[in-house]
Amino acid sequence: CFCFSRPTPVIRWIKEGGELPANRTFFENFKKTLKIIDVSEADSGNYKCIARNILGSAHHVISVTVKAAPYWITAPRNLVLSPGEDGTLICRANGNPKPNINWLANGVPI
């Protein structure tokens, strides 16, 4: 967030509709740079930097989208059954964009 004026403005950051990530947010370069470590999907959103001095203020909105490769919410488990028993296979995955889940038996789509 680079804003030039005289007197030098004070920079402030907010996340629209939420809070800046607690304990993972750091400021650099006299608050002109907002740094978020260990980013998660919840960090997606609109971030606003506001520059203010005694003569007025200006702001800019930066849209942040966090993409994520598919990952397991619950990792699949092997299942051992005897003939005649019932079994349930669970596949819980997430990502951004949301992954498609396909089931195959011995490499053949079910």
N, C-alpha and C. Protein backbone atom coordinates (compact mmCIF):
# COMPACT_ATOMS: atom_id res chain seq x y z
N CYS A 1 0.86 -1.17 0.00
CA CYS A 1 0.00 0.00 0.00
C CYS A 1 0.91 1.23 0.00
N PHE A 2 1.18 1.76 -1.20
CA PHE A 2 2.07 2.90 -1.31
C PHE A 2 1.25 4.15 -1.61
N CYS A 3 1.25 5.07 -0.66
CA CYS A 3 0.51 6.32 -0.81
C CYS A 3 1.46 7.45 -0.41
N PHE A 4 1.58 8.42 -1.28
CA PHE A 4 2.51 9.52 -1.02
C PHE A 4 1.73 10.80 -0.79
N SER A 5 2.06 11.49 0.30
CA SER A 5 1.44 12.78 0.59
C SER A 5 2.27 13.50 1.65
N ARG A 6 1.97 14.76 1.83
CA ARG A 6 2.58 15.57 2.88
C ARG A 6 1.46 16.19 3.67
N PRO A 7 1.43 16.06 4.95
CA PRO A 7 2.34 15.27 5.77
C PRO A 7 2.18 13.77 5.48
N THR A 8 3.23 13.01 5.86
CA THR A 8 3.26 11.57 5.61
C THR A 8 2.03 10.92 6.23
N PRO A 9 1.34 10.06 5.45
CA PRO A 9 0.12 9.44 5.99
C PRO A 9 0.43 8.28 6.93
N VAL A 10 -0.54 8.02 7.79
CA VAL A 10 -0.52 6.83 8.64
C VAL A 10 -1.29 5.76 7.89
N ILE A 11 -0.73 4.56 7.80
CA ILE A 11 -1.34 3.46 7.06
C ILE A 11 -2.02 2.51 8.04
N ARG A 12 -3.22 2.08 7.67
CA ARG A 12 -3.96 1.11 8.48
C ARG A 12 -4.53 0.05 7.54
N TRP A 13 -4.57 -1.19 7.99
CA TRP A 13 -5.10 -2.30 7.20
C TRP A 13 -6.31 -2.91 7.91
N ILE A 14 -7.33 -3.28 7.12
CA ILE A 14 -8.47 -4.01 7.66
C ILE A 14 -8.85 -5.10 6.65
N LYS A 15 -9.49 -6.13 7.15
CA LYS A 15 -10.07 -7.14 6.27
C LYS A 15 -11.56 -6.90 6.28
N GLU A 16 -12.13 -6.66 5.10
CA GLU A 16 -13.56 -6.37 5.03
C GLU A 16 -14.37 -7.59 5.48
N GLY A 17 -15.30 -7.37 6.38
CA GLY A 17 -16.16 -8.44 6.87
C GLY A 17 -15.48 -9.40 7.82
N GLY A 18 -14.34 -9.03 8.36
CA GLY A 18 -13.64 -9.93 9.27
C GLY A 18 -12.46 -9.26 9.92
N GLU A 19 -11.68 -10.06 10.59
CA GLU A 19 -10.49 -9.58 11.29
C GLU A 19 -9.24 -10.00 10.54
N LEU A 20 -8.17 -9.23 10.68
CA LEU A 20 -6.89 -9.67 10.16
C LEU A 20 -6.50 -10.95 10.90
N PRO A 21 -5.85 -11.89 10.22
CA PRO A 21 -5.47 -13.14 10.87
C PRO A 21 -4.65 -12.90 12.14
N ALA A 22 -5.15 -13.37 13.26
CA ALA A 22 -4.47 -13.15 14.54
C ALA A 22 -3.17 -13.95 14.61
N ASN A 23 -2.14 -13.33 15.14
CA ASN A 23 -0.83 -13.94 15.36
C ASN A 23 -0.13 -14.40 14.08
N ARG A 24 -0.66 -14.05 12.91
CA ARG A 24 -0.03 -14.43 11.65
C ARG A 24 0.15 -13.21 10.74
N THR A 25 -0.13 -12.03 11.27
CA THR A 25 -0.09 -10.80 10.49
C THR A 25 1.09 -9.95 10.96
N PHE A 26 1.90 -9.52 9.99
CA PHE A 26 3.03 -8.66 10.30
C PHE A 26 3.05 -7.51 9.31
N PHE A 27 3.59 -6.38 9.75
CA PHE A 27 3.68 -5.20 8.90
C PHE A 27 5.14 -4.88 8.65
N GLU A 28 5.43 -4.47 7.43
CA GLU A 28 6.78 -4.09 7.04
C GLU A 28 6.73 -2.77 6.31
N ASN A 29 7.90 -2.15 6.15
CA ASN A 29 8.02 -0.93 5.36
C ASN A 29 7.06 0.15 5.85
N PHE A 30 7.09 0.42 7.15
CA PHE A 30 6.25 1.45 7.78
C PHE A 30 4.76 1.19 7.53
N LYS A 31 4.38 -0.09 7.66
CA LYS A 31 2.99 -0.56 7.50
C LYS A 31 2.50 -0.51 6.06
N LYS A 32 3.37 -0.22 5.11
CA LYS A 32 2.95 -0.22 3.71
C LYS A 32 2.77 -1.64 3.17
N THR A 33 3.40 -2.61 3.84
CA THR A 33 3.31 -4.01 3.43
C THR A 33 2.66 -4.82 4.53
N LEU A 34 1.60 -5.52 4.17
CA LEU A 34 0.93 -6.46 5.08
C LEU A 34 1.41 -7.85 4.72
N LYS A 35 1.93 -8.58 5.69
CA LYS A 35 2.45 -9.92 5.45
C LYS A 35 1.66 -10.90 6.31
N ILE A 36 1.14 -11.95 5.65
CA ILE A 36 0.40 -13.01 6.36
C ILE A 36 1.20 -14.29 6.20
N ILE A 37 1.52 -14.94 7.32
CA ILE A 37 2.25 -16.20 7.24
C ILE A 37 1.29 -17.36 7.46
N ASP A 38 1.69 -18.52 7.01
CA ASP A 38 0.90 -19.75 7.15
C ASP A 38 -0.53 -19.53 6.64
N VAL A 39 -0.65 -19.10 5.41
CA VAL A 39 -1.93 -18.73 4.80
C VAL A 39 -2.88 -19.92 4.76
N SER A 40 -4.17 -19.66 5.01
CA SER A 40 -5.21 -20.68 4.90
C SER A 40 -6.32 -20.15 4.00
N GLU A 41 -7.24 -21.02 3.63
CA GLU A 41 -8.35 -20.61 2.77
C GLU A 41 -9.20 -19.52 3.42
N ALA A 42 -9.26 -19.52 4.74
CA ALA A 42 -10.03 -18.51 5.46
C ALA A 42 -9.45 -17.11 5.28
N ASP A 43 -8.22 -17.01 4.81
CA ASP A 43 -7.60 -15.70 4.59
C ASP A 43 -8.05 -15.04 3.29
N SER A 44 -8.80 -15.77 2.45
CA SER A 44 -9.35 -15.16 1.24
C SER A 44 -10.28 -14.02 1.63
N GLY A 45 -10.34 -13.01 0.80
CA GLY A 45 -11.25 -11.90 1.06
C GLY A 45 -10.69 -10.59 0.54
N ASN A 46 -11.35 -9.52 0.91
CA ASN A 46 -10.93 -8.18 0.50
C ASN A 46 -10.21 -7.50 1.65
N TYR A 47 -9.00 -7.05 1.36
CA TYR A 47 -8.20 -6.32 2.34
C TYR A 47 -8.13 -4.87 1.90
N LYS A 48 -8.31 -3.98 2.86
CA LYS A 48 -8.32 -2.56 2.55
C LYS A 48 -7.16 -1.88 3.28
N CYS A 49 -6.36 -1.12 2.51
CA CYS A 49 -5.36 -0.28 3.16
C CYS A 49 -5.89 1.15 3.12
N ILE A 50 -5.75 1.80 4.23
CA ILE A 50 -6.25 3.16 4.38
C ILE A 50 -5.07 4.06 4.76
N ALA A 51 -4.88 5.12 3.98
CA ALA A 51 -3.83 6.11 4.26
C ALA A 51 -4.52 7.38 4.72
N ARG A 52 -4.10 7.91 5.88
CA ARG A 52 -4.77 9.08 6.44
C ARG A 52 -3.74 10.05 7.00
N ASN A 53 -3.97 11.34 6.72
CA ASN A 53 -3.22 12.40 7.40
C ASN A 53 -4.22 13.50 7.76
N ILE A 54 -3.74 14.62 8.26
CA ILE A 54 -4.67 15.66 8.72
C ILE A 54 -5.47 16.28 7.59
N LEU A 55 -5.05 16.07 6.33
CA LEU A 55 -5.75 16.66 5.19
C LEU A 55 -6.81 15.74 4.58
N GLY A 56 -6.82 14.47 4.99
CA GLY A 56 -7.83 13.56 4.45
C GLY A 56 -7.34 12.13 4.42
N SER A 57 -8.03 11.31 3.63
CA SER A 57 -7.67 9.89 3.56
C SER A 57 -7.91 9.35 2.15
N ALA A 58 -7.27 8.25 1.88
CA ALA A 58 -7.47 7.51 0.63
C ALA A 58 -7.38 6.03 0.99
N HIS A 59 -8.05 5.21 0.19
CA HIS A 59 -7.98 3.77 0.46
C HIS A 59 -7.94 2.99 -0.85
N HIS A 60 -7.52 1.74 -0.72
CA HIS A 60 -7.49 0.84 -1.86
C HIS A 60 -7.85 -0.54 -1.36
N VAL A 61 -8.66 -1.29 -2.14
CA VAL A 61 -9.08 -2.64 -1.77
C VAL A 61 -8.32 -3.64 -2.63
N ILE A 62 -7.74 -4.62 -1.97
CA ILE A 62 -7.00 -5.69 -2.64
C ILE A 62 -7.75 -6.99 -2.40
N SER A 63 -8.13 -7.66 -3.49
CA SER A 63 -8.83 -8.93 -3.38
C SER A 63 -7.81 -10.07 -3.33
N VAL A 64 -7.95 -10.93 -2.32
CA VAL A 64 -7.04 -12.05 -2.13
C VAL A 64 -7.84 -13.35 -2.25
N THR A 65 -7.39 -14.23 -3.14
CA THR A 65 -7.99 -15.55 -3.30
C THR A 65 -6.92 -16.58 -2.99
N VAL A 66 -7.24 -17.48 -2.07
CA VAL A 66 -6.30 -18.54 -1.71
C VAL A 66 -6.73 -19.82 -2.44
N LYS A 67 -5.85 -20.35 -3.25
CA LYS A 67 -6.10 -21.60 -3.96
C LYS A 67 -5.45 -22.73 -3.17
N ALA A 68 -6.05 -23.92 -3.26
CA ALA A 68 -5.49 -25.06 -2.53
C ALA A 68 -5.65 -26.33 -3.35
N ALA A 69 -4.56 -27.08 -3.49
CA ALA A 69 -4.64 -28.39 -4.13
C ALA A 69 -5.51 -29.29 -3.25
N PRO A 70 -6.10 -30.33 -3.83
CA PRO A 70 -6.92 -31.22 -3.00
C PRO A 70 -6.14 -31.77 -1.80
N TYR A 71 -6.84 -31.86 -0.68
CA TYR A 71 -6.25 -32.42 0.54
C TYR A 71 -7.33 -33.19 1.28
N TRP A 72 -6.91 -34.12 2.10
CA TRP A 72 -7.85 -34.98 2.83
C TRP A 72 -8.39 -34.25 4.05
N ILE A 73 -9.70 -34.26 4.19
CA ILE A 73 -10.34 -33.84 5.44
C ILE A 73 -10.29 -35.03 6.39
N THR A 74 -10.65 -36.19 5.88
CA THR A 74 -10.50 -37.46 6.58
C THR A 74 -9.85 -38.43 5.61
N ALA A 75 -8.67 -38.90 5.94
CA ALA A 75 -7.97 -39.80 5.03
C ALA A 75 -8.72 -41.13 4.92
N PRO A 76 -8.82 -41.67 3.71
CA PRO A 76 -9.50 -42.97 3.55
C PRO A 76 -8.77 -44.06 4.33
N ARG A 77 -9.55 -45.05 4.79
CA ARG A 77 -8.97 -46.17 5.53
C ARG A 77 -9.29 -47.46 4.81
N ASN A 78 -8.39 -48.41 4.94
CA ASN A 78 -8.64 -49.73 4.37
C ASN A 78 -9.79 -50.39 5.12
N LEU A 79 -10.50 -51.24 4.41
CA LEU A 79 -11.67 -51.90 4.97
C LEU A 79 -11.54 -53.40 4.70
N VAL A 80 -11.64 -54.19 5.76
CA VAL A 80 -11.59 -55.65 5.64
C VAL A 80 -12.96 -56.18 6.03
N LEU A 81 -13.60 -56.91 5.09
CA LEU A 81 -14.95 -57.43 5.31
C LEU A 81 -15.00 -58.92 5.02
N SER A 82 -15.92 -59.58 5.66
CA SER A 82 -16.21 -60.98 5.36
C SER A 82 -17.39 -61.02 4.40
N PRO A 83 -17.52 -62.10 3.63
CA PRO A 83 -18.67 -62.21 2.74
C PRO A 83 -19.98 -62.01 3.49
N GLY A 84 -20.88 -61.23 2.91
CA GLY A 84 -22.19 -60.96 3.50
C GLY A 84 -22.22 -59.74 4.41
N GLU A 85 -21.06 -59.20 4.79
CA GLU A 85 -21.03 -58.00 5.63
C GLU A 85 -21.25 -56.76 4.78
N ASP A 86 -21.68 -55.70 5.45
CA ASP A 86 -21.82 -54.40 4.81
C ASP A 86 -20.61 -53.54 5.20
N GLY A 87 -20.22 -52.66 4.32
CA GLY A 87 -19.11 -51.77 4.60
C GLY A 87 -19.35 -50.40 3.99
N THR A 88 -18.74 -49.40 4.59
CA THR A 88 -18.86 -48.03 4.10
C THR A 88 -17.46 -47.48 3.84
N LEU A 89 -17.26 -46.98 2.65
CA LEU A 89 -16.01 -46.31 2.30
C LEU A 89 -16.27 -44.81 2.32
N ILE A 90 -15.40 -44.07 2.97
CA ILE A 90 -15.59 -42.63 3.11
C ILE A 90 -14.41 -41.91 2.46
N CYS A 91 -14.73 -40.95 1.61
CA CYS A 91 -13.71 -40.11 0.97
C CYS A 91 -14.11 -38.66 1.21
N ARG A 92 -13.40 -37.99 2.12
CA ARG A 92 -13.68 -36.58 2.41
C ARG A 92 -12.45 -35.76 2.05
N ALA A 93 -12.60 -34.96 0.99
CA ALA A 93 -11.50 -34.13 0.52
C ALA A 93 -12.01 -32.71 0.28
N ASN A 94 -11.08 -31.76 0.29
CA ASN A 94 -11.43 -30.38 0.02
C ASN A 94 -10.29 -29.76 -0.79
N GLY A 95 -10.49 -28.55 -1.22
CA GLY A 95 -9.51 -27.80 -1.99
C GLY A 95 -10.20 -26.59 -2.59
N ASN A 96 -9.44 -25.75 -3.27
CA ASN A 96 -10.02 -24.60 -3.94
C ASN A 96 -9.33 -24.46 -5.30
N PRO A 97 -10.02 -24.77 -6.40
CA PRO A 97 -11.44 -25.08 -6.46
C PRO A 97 -11.76 -26.46 -5.85
N LYS A 98 -13.03 -26.64 -5.47
CA LYS A 98 -13.47 -27.86 -4.84
C LYS A 98 -13.20 -29.05 -5.77
N PRO A 99 -12.54 -30.10 -5.26
CA PRO A 99 -12.19 -31.22 -6.13
C PRO A 99 -13.40 -32.11 -6.45
N ASN A 100 -13.35 -32.74 -7.63
CA ASN A 100 -14.33 -33.76 -7.98
C ASN A 100 -13.86 -35.08 -7.38
N ILE A 101 -14.79 -35.85 -6.84
CA ILE A 101 -14.45 -37.15 -6.27
C ILE A 101 -15.03 -38.22 -7.17
N ASN A 102 -14.17 -39.15 -7.60
CA ASN A 102 -14.58 -40.26 -8.44
C ASN A 102 -14.23 -41.56 -7.74
N TRP A 103 -15.11 -42.54 -7.85
CA TRP A 103 -14.87 -43.85 -7.25
C TRP A 103 -14.54 -44.86 -8.34
N LEU A 104 -13.51 -45.68 -8.07
CA LEU A 104 -13.12 -46.73 -8.99
C LEU A 104 -12.94 -48.02 -8.19
N ALA A 105 -13.28 -49.15 -8.81
CA ALA A 105 -13.04 -50.46 -8.22
C ALA A 105 -12.08 -51.19 -9.14
N ASN A 106 -10.89 -51.52 -8.64
CA ASN A 106 -9.84 -52.16 -9.44
C ASN A 106 -9.56 -51.36 -10.72
N GLY A 107 -9.55 -50.03 -10.61
CA GLY A 107 -9.23 -49.17 -11.73
C GLY A 107 -10.37 -48.88 -12.68
N VAL A 108 -11.56 -49.41 -12.38
CA VAL A 108 -12.73 -49.22 -13.26
C VAL A 108 -13.72 -48.31 -12.55
N PRO A 109 -14.20 -47.25 -13.22
CA PRO A 109 -15.19 -46.37 -12.57
C PRO A 109 -16.43 -47.12 -12.14
N ILE A 110 -16.93 -46.77 -10.98
CA ILE A 110 -18.17 -47.39 -10.46
C ILE A 110 -19.36 -46.64 -11.00
